[in-house]
Amino acid sequence: MQTVYLVALAVSASLALLGVFNRHFDDNLFQRLGLAVIGFAACSDIYLAIADVSCCEASNGKSLFVIGFSVYGIGTLVKVVRHMDRT
């Protein structure tokens, strides 16, 4: 199960960082910041899992993921509201 978790973290980090650095991804600032936090959370969890540090990995990683998804969600809400005004 640890291997599946590490692969999922690597995929999450890769996709988030590709979204942040891709100029073709039509996102706003909040979505880009949310993806950056998600990518950072995934990278830090990978490091903590590989370094076998168990002091603080569960709560910090979950908190960063939740914050990142919340910021990304706020950015998506802003984009939806902005597109609703155009129609």
PDB file of N, CA and C in Angstrom:
ATOM      1  N   MET A   1       0.823  -1.186   0.000  1.00  0.00           N
ATOM      2  CA  MET A   1       0.000   0.000   0.000  1.00  0.00           C
ATOM      3  C   MET A   1       0.873   1.259   0.000  1.00  0.00           C
ATOM      4  N   GLN A   2       2.016   1.185   0.632  1.00  0.00           N
ATOM      5  CA  GLN A   2       2.938   2.325   0.666  1.00  0.00           C
ATOM      6  C   GLN A   2       3.400   2.680  -0.748  1.00  0.00           C
ATOM      7  N   THR A   3       3.632   1.681  -1.583  1.00  0.00           N
ATOM      8  CA  THR A   3       4.074   1.937  -2.948  1.00  0.00           C
ATOM      9  C   THR A   3       2.986   2.644  -3.749  1.00  0.00           C
ATOM     10  N   VAL A   4       1.738   2.209  -3.593  1.00  0.00           N
ATOM     11  CA  VAL A   4       0.626   2.850  -4.289  1.00  0.00           C
ATOM     12  C   VAL A   4       0.498   4.305  -3.835  1.00  0.00           C
ATOM     13  N   TYR A   5       0.664   4.541  -2.532  1.00  0.00           N
ATOM     14  CA  TYR A   5       0.590   5.897  -1.986  1.00  0.00           C
ATOM     15  C   TYR A   5       1.695   6.778  -2.565  1.00  0.00           C
ATOM     16  N   LEU A   6       2.901   6.265  -2.641  1.00  0.00           N
ATOM     17  CA  LEU A   6       4.012   7.048  -3.185  1.00  0.00           C
ATOM     18  C   LEU A   6       3.829   7.335  -4.669  1.00  0.00           C
ATOM     19  N   VAL A   7       3.316   6.361  -5.413  1.00  0.00           N
ATOM     20  CA  VAL A   7       3.057   6.589  -6.841  1.00  0.00           C
ATOM     21  C   VAL A   7       1.962   7.640  -7.017  1.00  0.00           C
ATOM     22  N   ALA A   8       0.911   7.559  -6.199  1.00  0.00           N
ATOM     23  CA  ALA A   8      -0.162   8.554  -6.274  1.00  0.00           C
ATOM     24  C   ALA A   8       0.352   9.947  -5.918  1.00  0.00           C
ATOM     25  N   LEU A   9       1.225  10.038  -4.935  1.00  0.00           N
ATOM     26  CA  LEU A   9       1.825  11.332  -4.594  1.00  0.00           C
ATOM     27  C   LEU A   9       2.678  11.865  -5.736  1.00  0.00           C
ATOM     28  N   ALA A  10       3.439  10.989  -6.356  1.00  0.00           N
ATOM     29  CA  ALA A  10       4.283  11.418  -7.476  1.00  0.00           C
ATOM     30  C   ALA A  10       3.434  11.905  -8.648  1.00  0.00           C
ATOM     31  N   VAL A  11       2.341  11.212  -8.938  1.00  0.00           N
ATOM     32  CA  VAL A  11       1.446  11.634 -10.009  1.00  0.00           C
ATOM     33  C   VAL A  11       0.802  12.978  -9.651  1.00  0.00           C
ATOM     34  N   SER A  12       0.362  13.123  -8.400  1.00  0.00           N
ATOM     35  CA  SER A  12      -0.248  14.383  -7.963  1.00  0.00           C
ATOM     36  C   SER A  12       0.738  15.539  -8.069  1.00  0.00           C
ATOM     37  N   ALA A  13       1.955  15.325  -7.614  1.00  0.00           N
ATOM     38  CA  ALA A  13       2.971  16.378  -7.681  1.00  0.00           C
ATOM     39  C   ALA A  13       3.285  16.732  -9.129  1.00  0.00           C
ATOM     40  N   SER A  14       3.427  15.733  -9.979  1.00  0.00           N
ATOM     41  CA  SER A  14       3.764  15.983 -11.379  1.00  0.00           C
ATOM     42  C   SER A  14       2.663  16.763 -12.090  1.00  0.00           C
ATOM     43  N   LEU A  15       1.429  16.324 -11.913  1.00  0.00           N
ATOM     44  CA  LEU A  15       0.325  17.002 -12.591  1.00  0.00           C
ATOM     45  C   LEU A  15       0.122  18.418 -12.061  1.00  0.00           C
ATOM     46  N   ALA A  16       0.261  18.599 -10.761  1.00  0.00           N
ATOM     47  CA  ALA A  16       0.101  19.937 -10.192  1.00  0.00           C
ATOM     48  C   ALA A  16       1.197  20.876 -10.691  1.00  0.00           C
ATOM     49  N   LEU A  17       2.413  20.403 -10.697  1.00  0.00           N
ATOM     50  CA  LEU A  17       3.511  21.254 -11.144  1.00  0.00           C
ATOM     51  C   LEU A  17       3.462  21.508 -12.645  1.00  0.00           C
ATOM     52  N   LEU A  18       3.003  20.532 -13.430  1.00  0.00           N
ATOM     53  CA  LEU A  18       2.816  20.777 -14.859  1.00  0.00           C
ATOM     54  C   LEU A  18       1.740  21.832 -15.089  1.00  0.00           C
ATOM     55  N   GLY A  19       0.680  21.804 -14.292  1.00  0.00           N
ATOM     56  CA  GLY A  19      -0.361  22.812 -14.403  1.00  0.00           C
ATOM     57  C   GLY A  19       0.124  24.198 -14.032  1.00  0.00           C
ATOM     58  N   VAL A  20       0.976  24.265 -13.026  1.00  0.00           N
ATOM     59  CA  VAL A  20       1.494  25.568 -12.589  1.00  0.00           C
ATOM     60  C   VAL A  20       2.408  26.174 -13.642  1.00  0.00           C
ATOM     61  N   PHE A  21       3.261  25.370 -14.241  1.00  0.00           N
ATOM     62  CA  PHE A  21       4.270  25.905 -15.151  1.00  0.00           C
ATOM     63  C   PHE A  21       3.868  25.866 -16.626  1.00  0.00           C
ATOM     64  N   ASN A  22       2.657  25.399 -16.934  1.00  0.00           N
ATOM     65  CA  ASN A  22       2.212  25.338 -18.317  1.00  0.00           C
ATOM     66  C   ASN A  22       1.503  26.639 -18.672  1.00  0.00           C
ATOM     67  N   ARG A  23       1.973  27.325 -19.685  1.00  0.00           N
ATOM     68  CA  ARG A  23       1.376  28.606 -20.049  1.00  0.00           C
ATOM     69  C   ARG A  23       0.083  28.425 -20.832  1.00  0.00           C
ATOM     70  N   HIS A  24      -0.211  27.219 -21.292  1.00  0.00           N
ATOM     71  CA  HIS A  24      -1.438  26.957 -22.032  1.00  0.00           C
ATOM     72  C   HIS A  24      -2.612  26.634 -21.122  1.00  0.00           C
ATOM     73  N   PHE A  25      -2.356  26.395 -19.848  1.00  0.00           N
ATOM     74  CA  PHE A  25      -3.420  26.106 -18.886  1.00  0.00           C
ATOM     75  C   PHE A  25      -4.081  27.424 -18.510  1.00  0.00           C
ATOM     76  N   ASP A  26      -5.331  27.589 -18.891  1.00  0.00           N
ATOM     77  CA  ASP A  26      -6.049  28.849 -18.696  1.00  0.00           C
ATOM     78  C   ASP A  26      -6.605  28.912 -17.272  1.00  0.00           C
ATOM     79  N   ASP A  27      -5.776  29.314 -16.354  1.00  0.00           N
ATOM     80  CA  ASP A  27      -6.199  29.386 -14.956  1.00  0.00           C
ATOM     81  C   ASP A  27      -5.988  30.793 -14.418  1.00  0.00           C
ATOM     82  N   ASN A  28      -6.560  31.028 -13.249  1.00  0.00           N
ATOM     83  CA  ASN A  28      -6.366  32.323 -12.613  1.00  0.00           C
ATOM     84  C   ASN A  28      -5.342  32.169 -11.479  1.00  0.00           C
ATOM     85  N   LEU A  29      -5.083  33.239 -10.782  1.00  0.00           N
ATOM     86  CA  LEU A  29      -4.045  33.238  -9.748  1.00  0.00           C
ATOM     87  C   LEU A  29      -4.361  32.254  -8.619  1.00  0.00           C
ATOM     88  N   PHE A  30      -5.626  32.210  -8.188  1.00  0.00           N
ATOM     89  CA  PHE A  30      -5.981  31.307  -7.097  1.00  0.00           C
ATOM     90  C   PHE A  30      -5.804  29.843  -7.505  1.00  0.00           C
ATOM     91  N   GLN A  31      -6.176  29.503  -8.728  1.00  0.00           N
ATOM     92  CA  GLN A  31      -5.992  28.132  -9.183  1.00  0.00           C
ATOM     93  C   GLN A  31      -4.511  27.777  -9.276  1.00  0.00           C
ATOM     94  N   ARG A  32      -3.714  28.715  -9.754  1.00  0.00           N
ATOM     95  CA  ARG A  32      -2.275  28.458  -9.857  1.00  0.00           C
ATOM     96  C   ARG A  32      -1.638  28.312  -8.470  1.00  0.00           C
ATOM     97  N   LEU A  33      -2.046  29.154  -7.522  1.00  0.00           N
ATOM     98  CA  LEU A  33      -1.530  29.038  -6.148  1.00  0.00           C
ATOM     99  C   LEU A  33      -1.983  27.733  -5.501  1.00  0.00           C
ATOM    100  N   GLY A  34      -3.227  27.347  -5.733  1.00  0.00           N
ATOM    101  CA  GLY A  34      -3.731  26.085  -5.186  1.00  0.00           C
ATOM    102  C   GLY A  34      -2.951  24.890  -5.716  1.00  0.00           C
ATOM    103  N   LEU A  35      -2.685  24.887  -7.025  1.00  0.00           N
ATOM    104  CA  LEU A  35      -1.890  23.801  -7.592  1.00  0.00           C
ATOM    105  C   LEU A  35      -0.469  23.798  -7.036  1.00  0.00           C
ATOM    106  N   ALA A  36       0.091  24.979  -6.812  1.00  0.00           N
ATOM    107  CA  ALA A  36       1.439  25.051  -6.246  1.00  0.00           C
ATOM    108  C   ALA A  36       1.470  24.468  -4.829  1.00  0.00           C
ATOM    109  N   VAL A  37       0.455  24.766  -4.030  1.00  0.00           N
ATOM    110  CA  VAL A  37       0.398  24.225  -2.662  1.00  0.00           C
ATOM    111  C   VAL A  37       0.202  22.707  -2.707  1.00  0.00           C
ATOM    112  N   ILE A  38      -0.639  22.224  -3.623  1.00  0.00           N
ATOM    113  CA  ILE A  38      -0.848  20.781  -3.760  1.00  0.00           C
ATOM    114  C   ILE A  38       0.456  20.100  -4.180  1.00  0.00           C
ATOM    115  N   GLY A  39       1.167  20.682  -5.136  1.00  0.00           N
ATOM    116  CA  GLY A  39       2.454  20.122  -5.556  1.00  0.00           C
ATOM    117  C   GLY A  39       3.472  20.117  -4.432  1.00  0.00           C
ATOM    118  N   PHE A  40       3.513  21.199  -3.654  1.00  0.00           N
ATOM    119  CA  PHE A  40       4.432  21.257  -2.515  1.00  0.00           C
ATOM    120  C   PHE A  40       4.068  20.220  -1.466  1.00  0.00           C
ATOM    121  N   ALA A  41       2.769  20.063  -1.205  1.00  0.00           N
ATOM    122  CA  ALA A  41       2.330  19.074  -0.214  1.00  0.00           C
ATOM    123  C   ALA A  41       2.704  17.662  -0.650  1.00  0.00           C
ATOM    124  N   ALA A  42       2.519  17.365  -1.926  1.00  0.00           N
ATOM    125  CA  ALA A  42       2.859  16.032  -2.427  1.00  0.00           C
ATOM    126  C   ALA A  42       4.370  15.796  -2.344  1.00  0.00           C
ATOM    127  N   CYS A  43       5.154  16.789  -2.721  1.00  0.00           N
ATOM    128  CA  CYS A  43       6.620  16.634  -2.647  1.00  0.00           C
ATOM    129  C   CYS A  43       7.095  16.478  -1.205  1.00  0.00           C
ATOM    130  N   SER A  44       6.499  17.234  -0.290  1.00  0.00           N
ATOM    131  CA  SER A  44       6.919  17.106   1.110  1.00  0.00           C
ATOM    132  C   SER A  44       6.507  15.755   1.692  1.00  0.00           C
ATOM    133  N   ASP A  45       5.336  15.245   1.301  1.00  0.00           N
ATOM    134  CA  ASP A  45       4.935  13.915   1.763  1.00  0.00           C
ATOM    135  C   ASP A  45       5.841  12.827   1.197  1.00  0.00           C
ATOM    136  N   ILE A  46       6.244  12.975  -0.064  1.00  0.00           N
ATOM    137  CA  ILE A  46       7.179  12.008  -0.655  1.00  0.00           C
ATOM    138  C   ILE A  46       8.491  12.023   0.113  1.00  0.00           C
ATOM    139  N   TYR A  47       8.992  13.207   0.405  1.00  0.00           N
ATOM    140  CA  TYR A  47      10.246  13.314   1.155  1.00  0.00           C
ATOM    141  C   TYR A  47      10.126  12.680   2.539  1.00  0.00           C
ATOM    142  N   LEU A  48       9.029  12.983   3.232  1.00  0.00           N
ATOM    143  CA  LEU A  48       8.853  12.425   4.576  1.00  0.00           C
ATOM    144  C   LEU A  48       8.689  10.914   4.548  1.00  0.00           C
ATOM    145  N   ALA A  49       8.049  10.392   3.512  1.00  0.00           N
ATOM    146  CA  ALA A  49       7.879   8.946   3.411  1.00  0.00           C
ATOM    147  C   ALA A  49       9.201   8.255   3.094  1.00  0.00           C
ATOM    148  N   ILE A  50       9.981   8.860   2.212  1.00  0.00           N
ATOM    149  CA  ILE A  50      11.267   8.258   1.844  1.00  0.00           C
ATOM    150  C   ILE A  50      12.266   8.385   2.990  1.00  0.00           C
ATOM    151  N   ALA A  51      12.275   9.531   3.677  1.00  0.00           N
ATOM    152  CA  ALA A  51      13.196   9.740   4.794  1.00  0.00           C
ATOM    153  C   ALA A  51      12.745   8.993   6.049  1.00  0.00           C
ATOM    154  N   ASP A  52      11.544   8.415   6.001  1.00  0.00           N
ATOM    155  CA  ASP A  52      10.975   7.645   7.104  1.00  0.00           C
ATOM    156  C   ASP A  52      10.869   8.491   8.378  1.00  0.00           C
ATOM    157  N   VAL A  53      10.396   9.721   8.203  1.00  0.00           N
ATOM    158  CA  VAL A  53      10.149  10.626   9.318  1.00  0.00           C
ATOM    159  C   VAL A  53       8.662  10.569   9.615  1.00  0.00           C
ATOM    160  N   SER A  54       8.298  10.128  10.791  1.00  0.00           N
ATOM    161  CA  SER A  54       6.873   9.959  11.095  1.00  0.00           C
ATOM    162  C   SER A  54       6.379  10.938  12.154  1.00  0.00           C
ATOM    163  N   CYS A  55       7.175  11.941  12.483  1.00  0.00           N
ATOM    164  CA  CYS A  55       6.787  12.858  13.554  1.00  0.00           C
ATOM    165  C   CYS A  55       5.602  13.737  13.184  1.00  0.00           C
ATOM    166  N   CYS A  56       5.559  14.218  11.968  1.00  0.00           N
ATOM    167  CA  CYS A  56       4.550  15.223  11.641  1.00  0.00           C
ATOM    168  C   CYS A  56       3.966  15.058  10.253  1.00  0.00           C
ATOM    169  N   GLU A  57       4.188  13.932   9.604  1.00  0.00           N
ATOM    170  CA  GLU A  57       3.786  13.819   8.209  1.00  0.00           C
ATOM    171  C   GLU A  57       2.276  13.778   8.006  1.00  0.00           C
ATOM    172  N   ALA A  58       1.529  13.157   8.884  1.00  0.00           N
ATOM    173  CA  ALA A  58       0.095  12.979   8.648  1.00  0.00           C
ATOM    174  C   ALA A  58      -0.660  14.306   8.707  1.00  0.00           C
ATOM    175  N   SER A  59      -0.481  15.056   9.775  1.00  0.00           N
ATOM    176  CA  SER A  59      -1.279  16.272   9.922  1.00  0.00           C
ATOM    177  C   SER A  59      -0.811  17.377   8.982  1.00  0.00           C
ATOM    178  N   ASN A  60       0.488  17.538   8.792  1.00  0.00           N
ATOM    179  CA  ASN A  60       0.979  18.602   7.916  1.00  0.00           C
ATOM    180  C   ASN A  60       0.617  18.348   6.457  1.00  0.00           C
ATOM    181  N   GLY A  61       0.791  17.130   6.006  1.00  0.00           N
ATOM    182  CA  GLY A  61       0.465  16.806   4.625  1.00  0.00           C
ATOM    183  C   GLY A  61      -1.011  16.978   4.337  1.00  0.00           C
ATOM    184  N   LYS A  62      -1.851  16.486   5.230  1.00  0.00           N
ATOM    185  CA  LYS A  62      -3.293  16.626   5.031  1.00  0.00           C
ATOM    186  C   LYS A  62      -3.711  18.086   5.070  1.00  0.00           C
ATOM    187  N   SER A  63      -3.127  18.855   5.956  1.00  0.00           N
ATOM    188  CA  SER A  63      -3.467  20.279   6.039  1.00  0.00           C
ATOM    189  C   SER A  63      -3.086  21.008   4.759  1.00  0.00           C
ATOM    190  N   LEU A  64      -1.901  20.733   4.230  1.00  0.00           N
ATOM    191  CA  LEU A  64      -1.471  21.391   2.996  1.00  0.00           C
ATOM    192  C   LEU A  64      -2.347  20.993   1.821  1.00  0.00           C
ATOM    193  N   PHE A  65      -2.710  19.710   1.727  1.00  0.00           N
ATOM    194  CA  PHE A  65      -3.589  19.283   0.643  1.00  0.00           C
ATOM    195  C   PHE A  65      -4.943  19.973   0.730  1.00  0.00           C
ATOM    196  N   VAL A  66      -5.508  20.048   1.931  1.00  0.00           N
ATOM    197  CA  VAL A  66      -6.815  20.689   2.104  1.00  0.00           C
ATOM    198  C   VAL A  66      -6.739  22.171   1.765  1.00  0.00           C
ATOM    199  N   ILE A  67      -5.682  22.838   2.199  1.00  0.00           N
ATOM    200  CA  ILE A  67      -5.513  24.259   1.879  1.00  0.00           C
ATOM    201  C   ILE A  67      -5.366  24.442   0.368  1.00  0.00           C
ATOM    202  N   GLY A  68      -4.555  23.604  -0.261  1.00  0.00           N
ATOM    203  CA  GLY A  68      -4.371  23.706  -1.708  1.00  0.00           C
ATOM    204  C   GLY A  68      -5.653  23.481  -2.484  1.00  0.00           C
ATOM    205  N   PHE A  69      -6.409  22.452  -2.105  1.00  0.00           N
ATOM    206  CA  PHE A  69      -7.671  22.190  -2.792  1.00  0.00           C
ATOM    207  C   PHE A  69      -8.679  23.308  -2.539  1.00  0.00           C
ATOM    208  N   SER A  70      -8.668  23.877  -1.348  1.00  0.00           N
ATOM    209  CA  SER A  70      -9.579  24.983  -1.051  1.00  0.00           C
ATOM    210  C   SER A  70      -9.247  26.211  -1.882  1.00  0.00           C
ATOM    211  N   VAL A  71      -7.970  26.553  -1.983  1.00  0.00           N
ATOM    212  CA  VAL A  71      -7.561  27.707  -2.786  1.00  0.00           C
ATOM    213  C   VAL A  71      -7.883  27.461  -4.257  1.00  0.00           C
ATOM    214  N   TYR A  72      -7.639  26.246  -4.733  1.00  0.00           N
ATOM    215  CA  TYR A  72      -7.977  25.909  -6.115  1.00  0.00           C
ATOM    216  C   TYR A  72      -9.488  26.002  -6.333  1.00  0.00           C
ATOM    217  N   GLY A  73     -10.267  25.536  -5.367  1.00  0.00           N
ATOM    218  CA  GLY A  73     -11.720  25.625  -5.465  1.00  0.00           C
ATOM    219  C   GLY A  73     -12.216  27.054  -5.492  1.00  0.00           C
ATOM    220  N   ILE A  74     -11.613  27.924  -4.695  1.00  0.00           N
ATOM    221  CA  ILE A  74     -11.978  29.341  -4.708  1.00  0.00           C
ATOM    222  C   ILE A  74     -11.675  29.944  -6.082  1.00  0.00           C
ATOM    223  N   GLY A  75     -10.534  29.592  -6.642  1.00  0.00           N
ATOM    224  CA  GLY A  75     -10.199  30.075  -7.979  1.00  0.00           C
ATOM    225  C   GLY A  75     -11.173  29.582  -9.029  1.00  0.00           C
ATOM    226  N   THR A  76     -11.608  28.345  -8.906  1.00  0.00           N
ATOM    227  CA  THR A  76     -12.598  27.807  -9.837  1.00  0.00           C
ATOM    228  C   THR A  76     -13.932  28.519  -9.675  1.00  0.00           C
ATOM    229  N   LEU A  77     -14.327  28.808  -8.442  1.00  0.00           N
ATOM    230  CA  LEU A  77     -15.560  29.547  -8.195  1.00  0.00           C
ATOM    231  C   LEU A  77     -15.488  30.944  -8.822  1.00  0.00           C
ATOM    232  N   VAL A  78     -14.358  31.610  -8.661  1.00  0.00           N
ATOM    233  CA  VAL A  78     -14.174  32.940  -9.257  1.00  0.00           C
ATOM    234  C   VAL A  78     -14.287  32.854 -10.773  1.00  0.00           C
ATOM    235  N   LYS A  79     -13.691  31.827 -11.377  1.00  0.00           N
ATOM    236  CA  LYS A  79     -13.749  31.671 -12.823  1.00  0.00           C
ATOM    237  C   LYS A  79     -15.189  31.394 -13.280  1.00  0.00           C
ATOM    238  N   VAL A  80     -15.917  30.562 -12.557  1.00  0.00           N
ATOM    239  CA  VAL A  80     -17.307  30.269 -12.916  1.00  0.00           C
ATOM    240  C   VAL A  80     -18.166  31.513 -12.821  1.00  0.00           C
ATOM    241  N   VAL A  81     -18.007  32.275 -11.752  1.00  0.00           N
ATOM    242  CA  VAL A  81     -18.794  33.500 -11.579  1.00  0.00           C
ATOM    243  C   VAL A  81     -18.448  34.501 -12.680  1.00  0.00           C
ATOM    244  N   ARG A  82     -17.202  34.604 -13.027  1.00  0.00           N
ATOM    245  CA  ARG A  82     -16.770  35.527 -14.077  1.00  0.00           C
ATOM    246  C   ARG A  82     -17.354  35.131 -15.438  1.00  0.00           C
ATOM    247  N   HIS A  83     -17.426  33.806 -15.719  1.00  0.00           N
ATOM    248  CA  HIS A  83     -17.998  33.348 -16.987  1.00  0.00           C
ATOM    249  C   HIS A  83     -19.520  33.464 -16.991  1.00  0.00           C
ATOM    250  N   MET A  84     -20.160  33.399 -15.841  1.00  0.00           N
ATOM    251  CA  MET A  84     -21.604  33.570 -15.788  1.00  0.00           C
ATOM    252  C   MET A  84     -21.994  34.998 -16.156  1.00  0.00           C
ATOM    253  N   ASP A  85     -21.175  35.968 -15.804  1.00  0.00           N
ATOM    254  CA  ASP A  85     -21.461  37.369 -16.111  1.00  0.00           C
ATOM    255  C   ASP A  85     -21.407  37.642 -17.604  1.00  0.00           C
ATOM    256  N   ARG A  86     -20.669  36.851 -18.374  1.00  0.00           N
ATOM    257  CA  ARG A  86     -20.532  37.056 -19.813  1.00  0.00           C
ATOM    258  C   ARG A  86     -21.759  36.607 -20.579  1.00  0.00           C
ATOM    259  N   THR A  87     -22.528  35.698 -20.020  1.00  0.00           N
ATOM    260  CA  THR A  87     -23.684  35.185 -20.759  1.00  0.00           C
ATOM    261  C   THR A  87     -24.949  35.923 -20.485  1.00  0.00           C
TER     262      THR A  87
END
